[in-house]
Amino acid sequence: MTILTFLLTASALGILVSGLYFLLVPGASRRLTPRWMKTGVVINILLFVAGIAGLLIGGVNEVMAAEQGAEGGAEISLGLGLALIGIGLPTGLATIGAGIAVSSVGSASLAVITEKPEMFGRTLIYLGLAEGIAIYGLVVSILLLGKI
């Protein structure tokens, strides 16, 4: 597990160092060859994917090999765990969809308000409708949580 943690840390540090370098030296991105940059990005992504996959596989093996804890605690079965993940998915996916909707509606609203300030109220309604998607996902998750 320590090797996998090292892979993830090296990947994150690679992203941070390259980001700081390109921030501090603005002309560096023009001097670097695209082939070198593509290779670095591919290596970084592979390190990250290998680290995450290893942590998932190692974590599952570690949990399966662990001894049972105190008998007084509540136990979560595999089915209950998958049900909880399934309950969380509507909220997560709805918030992603709401973010995408708010980004496009918000930018269009700013453009309209710049030209016609009297359209402010109407654009707020559209933004509220787009944000309502996330609330619907939350309501569905709460209703599903009540079924368990």
N, C-alpha and C. Protein backbone atom coordinates (compact mmCIF):
# COMPACT_ATOMS: atom_id res chain seq x y z
N MET A 1 0.81 -1.19 0.00
CA MET A 1 0.00 0.00 0.00
C MET A 1 0.86 1.26 0.00
N THR A 2 2.04 1.19 0.59
CA THR A 2 2.88 2.39 0.62
C THR A 2 3.40 2.73 -0.77
N ILE A 3 3.62 1.73 -1.61
CA ILE A 3 4.07 2.00 -2.97
C ILE A 3 2.97 2.70 -3.75
N LEU A 4 1.74 2.26 -3.56
CA LEU A 4 0.61 2.89 -4.24
C LEU A 4 0.40 4.32 -3.77
N THR A 5 0.55 4.53 -2.47
CA THR A 5 0.44 5.89 -1.95
C THR A 5 1.54 6.76 -2.53
N PHE A 6 2.72 6.19 -2.69
CA PHE A 6 3.83 6.94 -3.30
C PHE A 6 3.51 7.29 -4.75
N LEU A 7 2.91 6.35 -5.50
CA LEU A 7 2.55 6.64 -6.89
C LEU A 7 1.55 7.79 -6.97
N LEU A 8 0.54 7.78 -6.12
CA LEU A 8 -0.44 8.86 -6.14
C LEU A 8 0.18 10.19 -5.72
N THR A 9 1.06 10.15 -4.72
CA THR A 9 1.72 11.37 -4.28
C THR A 9 2.63 11.91 -5.36
N ALA A 10 3.38 11.03 -6.04
CA ALA A 10 4.26 11.47 -7.12
C ALA A 10 3.45 12.07 -8.26
N SER A 11 2.32 11.49 -8.56
CA SER A 11 1.48 12.01 -9.62
C SER A 11 0.94 13.39 -9.27
N ALA A 12 0.46 13.54 -8.04
CA ALA A 12 -0.07 14.84 -7.61
C ALA A 12 1.03 15.90 -7.57
N LEU A 13 2.20 15.52 -7.09
CA LEU A 13 3.31 16.48 -7.06
C LEU A 13 3.77 16.84 -8.47
N GLY A 14 3.72 15.89 -9.39
CA GLY A 14 4.06 16.19 -10.79
C GLY A 14 3.12 17.22 -11.38
N ILE A 15 1.85 17.08 -11.08
CA ILE A 15 0.88 18.06 -11.57
C ILE A 15 1.15 19.43 -10.95
N LEU A 16 1.39 19.46 -9.63
CA LEU A 16 1.64 20.74 -8.96
C LEU A 16 2.91 21.42 -9.45
N VAL A 17 3.99 20.66 -9.58
CA VAL A 17 5.25 21.24 -10.01
C VAL A 17 5.15 21.76 -11.44
N SER A 18 4.56 20.98 -12.33
CA SER A 18 4.43 21.45 -13.71
C SER A 18 3.51 22.66 -13.80
N GLY A 19 2.44 22.67 -13.01
CA GLY A 19 1.55 23.83 -13.00
C GLY A 19 2.23 25.08 -12.49
N LEU A 20 3.02 24.95 -11.40
CA LEU A 20 3.76 26.10 -10.88
C LEU A 20 4.81 26.58 -11.88
N TYR A 21 5.47 25.64 -12.55
CA TYR A 21 6.49 26.02 -13.53
C TYR A 21 5.88 26.82 -14.67
N PHE A 22 4.75 26.35 -15.20
CA PHE A 22 4.11 27.06 -16.30
C PHE A 22 3.49 28.38 -15.85
N LEU A 23 3.15 28.48 -14.56
CA LEU A 23 2.63 29.73 -14.03
C LEU A 23 3.74 30.77 -13.88
N LEU A 24 4.88 30.33 -13.34
CA LEU A 24 5.98 31.26 -13.09
C LEU A 24 6.78 31.61 -14.33
N VAL A 25 6.85 30.70 -15.30
CA VAL A 25 7.59 30.94 -16.54
C VAL A 25 6.58 30.87 -17.69
N PRO A 26 5.94 31.99 -18.03
CA PRO A 26 4.86 31.95 -19.01
C PRO A 26 5.30 31.50 -20.40
N GLY A 27 6.50 31.81 -20.82
CA GLY A 27 6.95 31.44 -22.16
C GLY A 27 7.42 30.01 -22.28
N ALA A 28 7.43 29.27 -21.18
CA ALA A 28 7.97 27.91 -21.20
C ALA A 28 7.11 26.98 -22.02
N SER A 29 5.81 27.20 -22.05
CA SER A 29 4.94 26.28 -22.79
C SER A 29 5.17 26.39 -24.29
N ARG A 30 5.64 27.55 -24.76
CA ARG A 30 5.92 27.70 -26.19
C ARG A 30 7.25 27.06 -26.57
N ARG A 31 8.19 27.03 -25.61
CA ARG A 31 9.51 26.47 -25.92
C ARG A 31 9.54 24.95 -25.89
N LEU A 32 8.67 24.36 -25.09
CA LEU A 32 8.66 22.90 -24.98
C LEU A 32 8.05 22.28 -26.23
N THR A 33 8.58 21.15 -26.60
CA THR A 33 8.02 20.46 -27.76
C THR A 33 6.73 19.75 -27.35
N PRO A 34 5.75 19.69 -28.22
CA PRO A 34 4.49 19.02 -27.88
C PRO A 34 4.69 17.55 -27.55
N ARG A 35 5.67 16.89 -28.17
CA ARG A 35 5.90 15.48 -27.91
C ARG A 35 6.32 15.25 -26.47
N TRP A 36 7.21 16.13 -25.95
CA TRP A 36 7.66 15.99 -24.57
C TRP A 36 6.51 16.21 -23.61
N MET A 37 5.68 17.19 -23.90
CA MET A 37 4.55 17.48 -23.01
C MET A 37 3.54 16.33 -23.03
N LYS A 38 3.27 15.78 -24.22
CA LYS A 38 2.32 14.67 -24.30
C LYS A 38 2.82 13.46 -23.53
N THR A 39 4.10 13.18 -23.64
CA THR A 39 4.67 12.04 -22.92
C THR A 39 4.55 12.24 -21.41
N GLY A 40 4.84 13.44 -20.94
CA GLY A 40 4.73 13.72 -19.51
C GLY A 40 3.31 13.59 -19.00
N VAL A 41 2.35 14.07 -19.77
CA VAL A 41 0.95 13.98 -19.36
C VAL A 41 0.50 12.52 -19.33
N VAL A 42 0.89 11.74 -20.34
CA VAL A 42 0.50 10.33 -20.39
C VAL A 42 1.10 9.57 -19.22
N ILE A 43 2.36 9.82 -18.91
CA ILE A 43 3.00 9.14 -17.78
C ILE A 43 2.31 9.52 -16.48
N ASN A 44 1.98 10.79 -16.32
CA ASN A 44 1.31 11.24 -15.11
C ASN A 44 -0.07 10.59 -14.96
N ILE A 45 -0.82 10.52 -16.04
CA ILE A 45 -2.15 9.88 -15.98
C ILE A 45 -2.02 8.40 -15.68
N LEU A 46 -1.06 7.73 -16.29
CA LEU A 46 -0.86 6.30 -16.02
C LEU A 46 -0.48 6.05 -14.57
N LEU A 47 0.40 6.91 -14.01
CA LEU A 47 0.76 6.77 -12.60
C LEU A 47 -0.48 6.93 -11.71
N PHE A 48 -1.29 7.91 -12.02
CA PHE A 48 -2.48 8.16 -11.21
C PHE A 48 -3.47 7.01 -11.30
N VAL A 49 -3.73 6.53 -12.52
CA VAL A 49 -4.67 5.42 -12.70
C VAL A 49 -4.15 4.16 -12.02
N ALA A 50 -2.85 3.89 -12.15
CA ALA A 50 -2.28 2.71 -11.50
C ALA A 50 -2.38 2.82 -9.98
N GLY A 51 -2.14 4.00 -9.45
CA GLY A 51 -2.24 4.19 -8.00
C GLY A 51 -3.66 4.02 -7.49
N ILE A 52 -4.62 4.60 -8.18
CA ILE A 52 -6.02 4.48 -7.76
C ILE A 52 -6.49 3.03 -7.86
N ALA A 53 -6.16 2.36 -8.99
CA ALA A 53 -6.55 0.96 -9.15
C ALA A 53 -5.91 0.09 -8.07
N GLY A 54 -4.66 0.34 -7.78
CA GLY A 54 -3.99 -0.43 -6.73
C GLY A 54 -4.59 -0.21 -5.36
N LEU A 55 -4.95 1.05 -5.06
CA LEU A 55 -5.58 1.31 -3.77
C LEU A 55 -6.94 0.64 -3.68
N LEU A 56 -7.68 0.64 -4.77
CA LEU A 56 -8.98 -0.03 -4.75
C LEU A 56 -8.82 -1.53 -4.54
N ILE A 57 -7.93 -2.14 -5.30
CA ILE A 57 -7.72 -3.59 -5.19
C ILE A 57 -7.14 -3.94 -3.83
N GLY A 58 -6.13 -3.19 -3.40
CA GLY A 58 -5.53 -3.45 -2.10
C GLY A 58 -6.48 -3.18 -0.96
N GLY A 59 -7.31 -2.15 -1.09
CA GLY A 59 -8.27 -1.84 -0.04
C GLY A 59 -9.32 -2.92 0.10
N VAL A 60 -9.79 -3.45 -1.03
CA VAL A 60 -10.78 -4.52 -0.98
C VAL A 60 -10.17 -5.77 -0.35
N ASN A 61 -8.94 -6.11 -0.75
CA ASN A 61 -8.28 -7.28 -0.16
C ASN A 61 -8.06 -7.11 1.33
N GLU A 62 -7.69 -5.90 1.74
CA GLU A 62 -7.44 -5.64 3.15
C GLU A 62 -8.73 -5.74 3.97
N VAL A 63 -9.82 -5.25 3.42
CA VAL A 63 -11.11 -5.32 4.14
C VAL A 63 -11.59 -6.76 4.21
N MET A 64 -11.44 -7.50 3.12
CA MET A 64 -11.90 -8.89 3.12
C MET A 64 -11.07 -9.76 4.06
N ALA A 65 -9.78 -9.42 4.21
CA ALA A 65 -8.91 -10.23 5.06
C ALA A 65 -8.98 -9.82 6.53
N ALA A 66 -9.60 -8.68 6.82
CA ALA A 66 -9.66 -8.20 8.21
C ALA A 66 -10.55 -9.09 9.05
N GLU A 67 -10.16 -9.21 10.30
CA GLU A 67 -10.96 -10.01 11.23
C GLU A 67 -12.19 -9.22 11.63
N GLN A 68 -13.17 -9.94 12.08
CA GLN A 68 -14.40 -9.30 12.52
C GLN A 68 -14.12 -8.48 13.77
N GLY A 69 -14.72 -7.30 13.84
CA GLY A 69 -14.54 -6.41 14.98
C GLY A 69 -15.40 -6.84 16.14
N ALA A 70 -15.64 -5.90 17.00
CA ALA A 70 -16.49 -6.18 18.16
C ALA A 70 -17.90 -6.52 17.68
N GLU A 71 -18.52 -7.45 18.35
CA GLU A 71 -19.84 -7.91 17.91
C GLU A 71 -20.93 -6.91 18.23
N GLY A 72 -20.64 -5.92 19.05
CA GLY A 72 -21.66 -4.96 19.43
C GLY A 72 -21.93 -3.92 18.34
N GLY A 73 -21.01 -3.73 17.39
CA GLY A 73 -21.17 -2.70 16.37
C GLY A 73 -22.10 -3.15 15.26
N ALA A 74 -22.66 -2.17 14.56
CA ALA A 74 -23.54 -2.47 13.44
C ALA A 74 -22.71 -2.93 12.25
N GLU A 75 -23.20 -3.92 11.57
CA GLU A 75 -22.45 -4.48 10.45
C GLU A 75 -23.13 -4.09 9.14
N ILE A 76 -22.34 -3.68 8.19
CA ILE A 76 -22.85 -3.30 6.88
C ILE A 76 -22.50 -4.43 5.91
N SER A 77 -23.50 -4.99 5.28
CA SER A 77 -23.27 -6.06 4.33
C SER A 77 -22.90 -5.47 2.98
N LEU A 78 -22.51 -6.33 2.07
CA LEU A 78 -22.16 -5.88 0.73
C LEU A 78 -23.37 -5.29 0.02
N GLY A 79 -24.52 -5.91 0.20
CA GLY A 79 -25.74 -5.41 -0.43
C GLY A 79 -26.13 -4.04 0.09
N LEU A 80 -25.99 -3.83 1.40
CA LEU A 80 -26.31 -2.53 1.98
C LEU A 80 -25.33 -1.46 1.50
N GLY A 81 -24.06 -1.84 1.40
CA GLY A 81 -23.06 -0.89 0.90
C GLY A 81 -23.34 -0.48 -0.53
N LEU A 82 -23.69 -1.44 -1.37
CA LEU A 82 -24.02 -1.11 -2.76
C LEU A 82 -25.30 -0.29 -2.84
N ALA A 83 -26.25 -0.56 -1.94
CA ALA A 83 -27.48 0.23 -1.92
C ALA A 83 -27.18 1.68 -1.53
N LEU A 84 -26.29 1.88 -0.58
CA LEU A 84 -25.92 3.24 -0.18
C LEU A 84 -25.21 3.98 -1.30
N ILE A 85 -24.37 3.27 -2.04
CA ILE A 85 -23.72 3.89 -3.20
C ILE A 85 -24.77 4.26 -4.24
N GLY A 86 -25.72 3.36 -4.47
CA GLY A 86 -26.80 3.65 -5.42
C GLY A 86 -27.68 4.80 -4.98
N ILE A 87 -27.82 4.99 -3.69
CA ILE A 87 -28.61 6.12 -3.18
C ILE A 87 -27.85 7.42 -3.38
N GLY A 88 -26.55 7.38 -3.26
CA GLY A 88 -25.75 8.60 -3.44
C GLY A 88 -25.59 9.02 -4.88
N LEU A 89 -25.73 8.10 -5.80
CA LEU A 89 -25.54 8.42 -7.22
C LEU A 89 -26.51 9.48 -7.75
N PRO A 90 -27.80 9.43 -7.44
CA PRO A 90 -28.68 10.48 -7.98
C PRO A 90 -28.27 11.89 -7.56
N THR A 91 -27.85 12.04 -6.32
CA THR A 91 -27.43 13.37 -5.88
C THR A 91 -26.17 13.81 -6.61
N GLY A 92 -25.20 12.91 -6.72
CA GLY A 92 -23.95 13.26 -7.40
C GLY A 92 -24.16 13.59 -8.86
N LEU A 93 -24.89 12.74 -9.56
CA LEU A 93 -25.10 12.98 -10.99
C LEU A 93 -26.00 14.20 -11.23
N ALA A 94 -26.98 14.42 -10.34
CA ALA A 94 -27.84 15.60 -10.50
C ALA A 94 -27.06 16.89 -10.27
N THR A 95 -26.14 16.89 -9.32
CA THR A 95 -25.36 18.10 -9.08
C THR A 95 -24.40 18.37 -10.23
N ILE A 96 -23.85 17.31 -10.84
CA ILE A 96 -23.00 17.51 -12.02
C ILE A 96 -23.83 18.10 -13.16
N GLY A 97 -25.03 17.55 -13.37
CA GLY A 97 -25.90 18.09 -14.41
C GLY A 97 -26.31 19.52 -14.13
N ALA A 98 -26.59 19.83 -12.86
CA ALA A 98 -26.96 21.19 -12.51
C ALA A 98 -25.80 22.15 -12.72
N GLY A 99 -24.60 21.70 -12.43
CA GLY A 99 -23.43 22.54 -12.66
C GLY A 99 -23.24 22.86 -14.13
N ILE A 100 -23.44 21.86 -14.97
CA ILE A 100 -23.32 22.08 -16.42
C ILE A 100 -24.41 23.04 -16.89
N ALA A 101 -25.63 22.85 -16.39
CA ALA A 101 -26.73 23.72 -16.80
C ALA A 101 -26.53 25.14 -16.32
N VAL A 102 -26.10 25.31 -15.07
CA VAL A 102 -25.91 26.65 -14.52
C VAL A 102 -24.77 27.37 -15.24
N SER A 103 -23.74 26.62 -15.64
CA SER A 103 -22.63 27.29 -16.34
C SER A 103 -23.08 27.87 -17.68
N SER A 104 -23.85 27.11 -18.45
CA SER A 104 -24.28 27.64 -19.74
C SER A 104 -25.37 28.70 -19.59
N VAL A 105 -26.32 28.48 -18.68
CA VAL A 105 -27.38 29.46 -18.47
C VAL A 105 -26.81 30.74 -17.85
N GLY A 106 -25.86 30.59 -16.94
CA GLY A 106 -25.27 31.76 -16.30
C GLY A 106 -24.49 32.63 -17.27
N SER A 107 -23.71 32.01 -18.14
CA SER A 107 -22.96 32.82 -19.11
C SER A 107 -23.89 33.50 -20.10
N ALA A 108 -24.93 32.81 -20.52
CA ALA A 108 -25.90 33.44 -21.42
C ALA A 108 -26.66 34.55 -20.70
N SER A 109 -26.96 34.35 -19.42
CA SER A 109 -27.66 35.37 -18.65
C SER A 109 -26.83 36.64 -18.52
N LEU A 110 -25.54 36.48 -18.27
CA LEU A 110 -24.67 37.66 -18.17
C LEU A 110 -24.61 38.41 -19.48
N ALA A 111 -24.59 37.68 -20.57
CA ALA A 111 -24.55 38.34 -21.87
C ALA A 111 -25.84 39.11 -22.13
N VAL A 112 -26.98 38.53 -21.76
CA VAL A 112 -28.27 39.20 -21.97
C VAL A 112 -28.41 40.41 -21.06
N ILE A 113 -27.99 40.27 -19.79
CA ILE A 113 -28.12 41.37 -18.84
C ILE A 113 -27.24 42.55 -19.26
N THR A 114 -26.11 42.25 -19.88
CA THR A 114 -25.24 43.33 -20.34
C THR A 114 -25.93 44.18 -21.39
N GLU A 115 -26.66 43.53 -22.28
CA GLU A 115 -27.34 44.27 -23.34
C GLU A 115 -28.70 44.81 -22.90
N LYS A 116 -29.45 44.02 -22.14
CA LYS A 116 -30.79 44.44 -21.69
C LYS A 116 -30.91 44.21 -20.18
N PRO A 117 -30.64 45.21 -19.36
CA PRO A 117 -30.70 45.03 -17.90
C PRO A 117 -32.09 44.67 -17.39
N GLU A 118 -33.13 44.98 -18.14
CA GLU A 118 -34.49 44.67 -17.68
C GLU A 118 -34.79 43.16 -17.72
N MET A 119 -33.94 42.36 -18.31
CA MET A 119 -34.14 40.90 -18.38
C MET A 119 -33.59 40.17 -17.15
N PHE A 120 -33.16 40.93 -16.14
CA PHE A 120 -32.53 40.32 -14.97
C PHE A 120 -33.45 39.32 -14.27
N GLY A 121 -34.69 39.67 -14.05
CA GLY A 121 -35.62 38.78 -13.35
C GLY A 121 -35.87 37.49 -14.10
N ARG A 122 -36.02 37.58 -15.41
CA ARG A 122 -36.27 36.38 -16.22
C ARG A 122 -35.06 35.44 -16.19
N THR A 123 -33.86 36.01 -16.22
CA THR A 123 -32.66 35.15 -16.21
C THR A 123 -32.50 34.47 -14.85
N LEU A 124 -32.93 35.14 -13.77
CA LEU A 124 -32.87 34.49 -12.46
C LEU A 124 -33.80 33.29 -12.40
N ILE A 125 -34.94 33.37 -13.06
CA ILE A 125 -35.86 32.24 -13.10
C ILE A 125 -35.20 31.05 -13.81
N TYR A 126 -34.53 31.33 -14.92
CA TYR A 126 -33.86 30.25 -15.66
C TYR A 126 -32.73 29.64 -14.83
N LEU A 127 -32.00 30.47 -14.11
CA LEU A 127 -30.94 29.93 -13.24
C LEU A 127 -31.54 29.08 -12.12
N GLY A 128 -32.68 29.51 -11.59
CA GLY A 128 -33.34 28.72 -10.54
C GLY A 128 -33.83 27.38 -11.06
N LEU A 129 -34.33 27.37 -12.28
CA LEU A 129 -34.77 26.09 -12.86
C LEU A 129 -33.59 25.15 -13.07
N ALA A 130 -32.47 25.70 -13.51
CA ALA A 130 -31.29 24.86 -13.71
C ALA A 130 -30.76 24.33 -12.38
N GLU A 131 -30.82 25.14 -11.34
CA GLU A 131 -30.34 24.70 -10.03
C GLU A 131 -31.31 23.72 -9.39
N GLY A 132 -32.56 23.75 -9.80
CA GLY A 132 -33.55 22.82 -9.26
C GLY A 132 -33.23 21.36 -9.57
N ILE A 133 -32.45 21.12 -10.60
CA ILE A 133 -32.07 19.75 -10.95
C ILE A 133 -31.33 19.09 -9.78
N ALA A 134 -30.44 19.84 -9.13
CA ALA A 134 -29.70 19.29 -8.00
C ALA A 134 -30.63 19.00 -6.83
N ILE A 135 -31.61 19.84 -6.62
CA ILE A 135 -32.56 19.62 -5.52
C ILE A 135 -33.40 18.38 -5.79
N TYR A 136 -33.78 18.16 -7.04
CA TYR A 136 -34.54 16.95 -7.37
C TYR A 136 -33.71 15.69 -7.08
N GLY A 137 -32.44 15.72 -7.41
CA GLY A 137 -31.57 14.58 -7.11
C GLY A 137 -31.47 14.33 -5.63
N LEU A 138 -31.39 15.41 -4.83
CA LEU A 138 -31.33 15.27 -3.39
C LEU A 138 -32.62 14.69 -2.83
N VAL A 139 -33.75 15.13 -3.36
CA VAL A 139 -35.05 14.60 -2.90
C VAL A 139 -35.15 13.11 -3.23
N VAL A 140 -34.71 12.71 -4.42
CA VAL A 140 -34.76 11.29 -4.79
C VAL A 140 -33.87 10.48 -3.85
N SER A 141 -32.70 10.99 -3.51
CA SER A 141 -31.82 10.27 -2.59
C SER A 141 -32.44 10.14 -1.21
N ILE A 142 -33.09 11.20 -0.75
CA ILE A 142 -33.74 11.12 0.57
C ILE A 142 -34.88 10.10 0.55
N LEU A 143 -35.66 10.09 -0.53
CA LEU A 143 -36.74 9.12 -0.63
C LEU A 143 -36.21 7.69 -0.68
N LEU A 144 -35.12 7.48 -1.41
CA LEU A 144 -34.53 6.15 -1.48
C LEU A 144 -33.93 5.74 -0.13
N LEU A 145 -33.37 6.69 0.59
CA LEU A 145 -32.79 6.40 1.90
C LEU A 145 -33.87 5.95 2.88
N GLY A 146 -35.07 6.47 2.71
CA GLY A 146 -36.18 6.06 3.57
C GLY A 146 -36.65 4.63 3.29
N LYS A 147 -36.29 4.08 2.14
CA LYS A 147 -36.70 2.71 1.80
C LYS A 147 -35.81 1.66 2.46
N ILE A 148 -34.66 2.05 2.93
CA ILE A 148 -33.73 1.07 3.53
C ILE A 148 -34.16 0.73 4.93
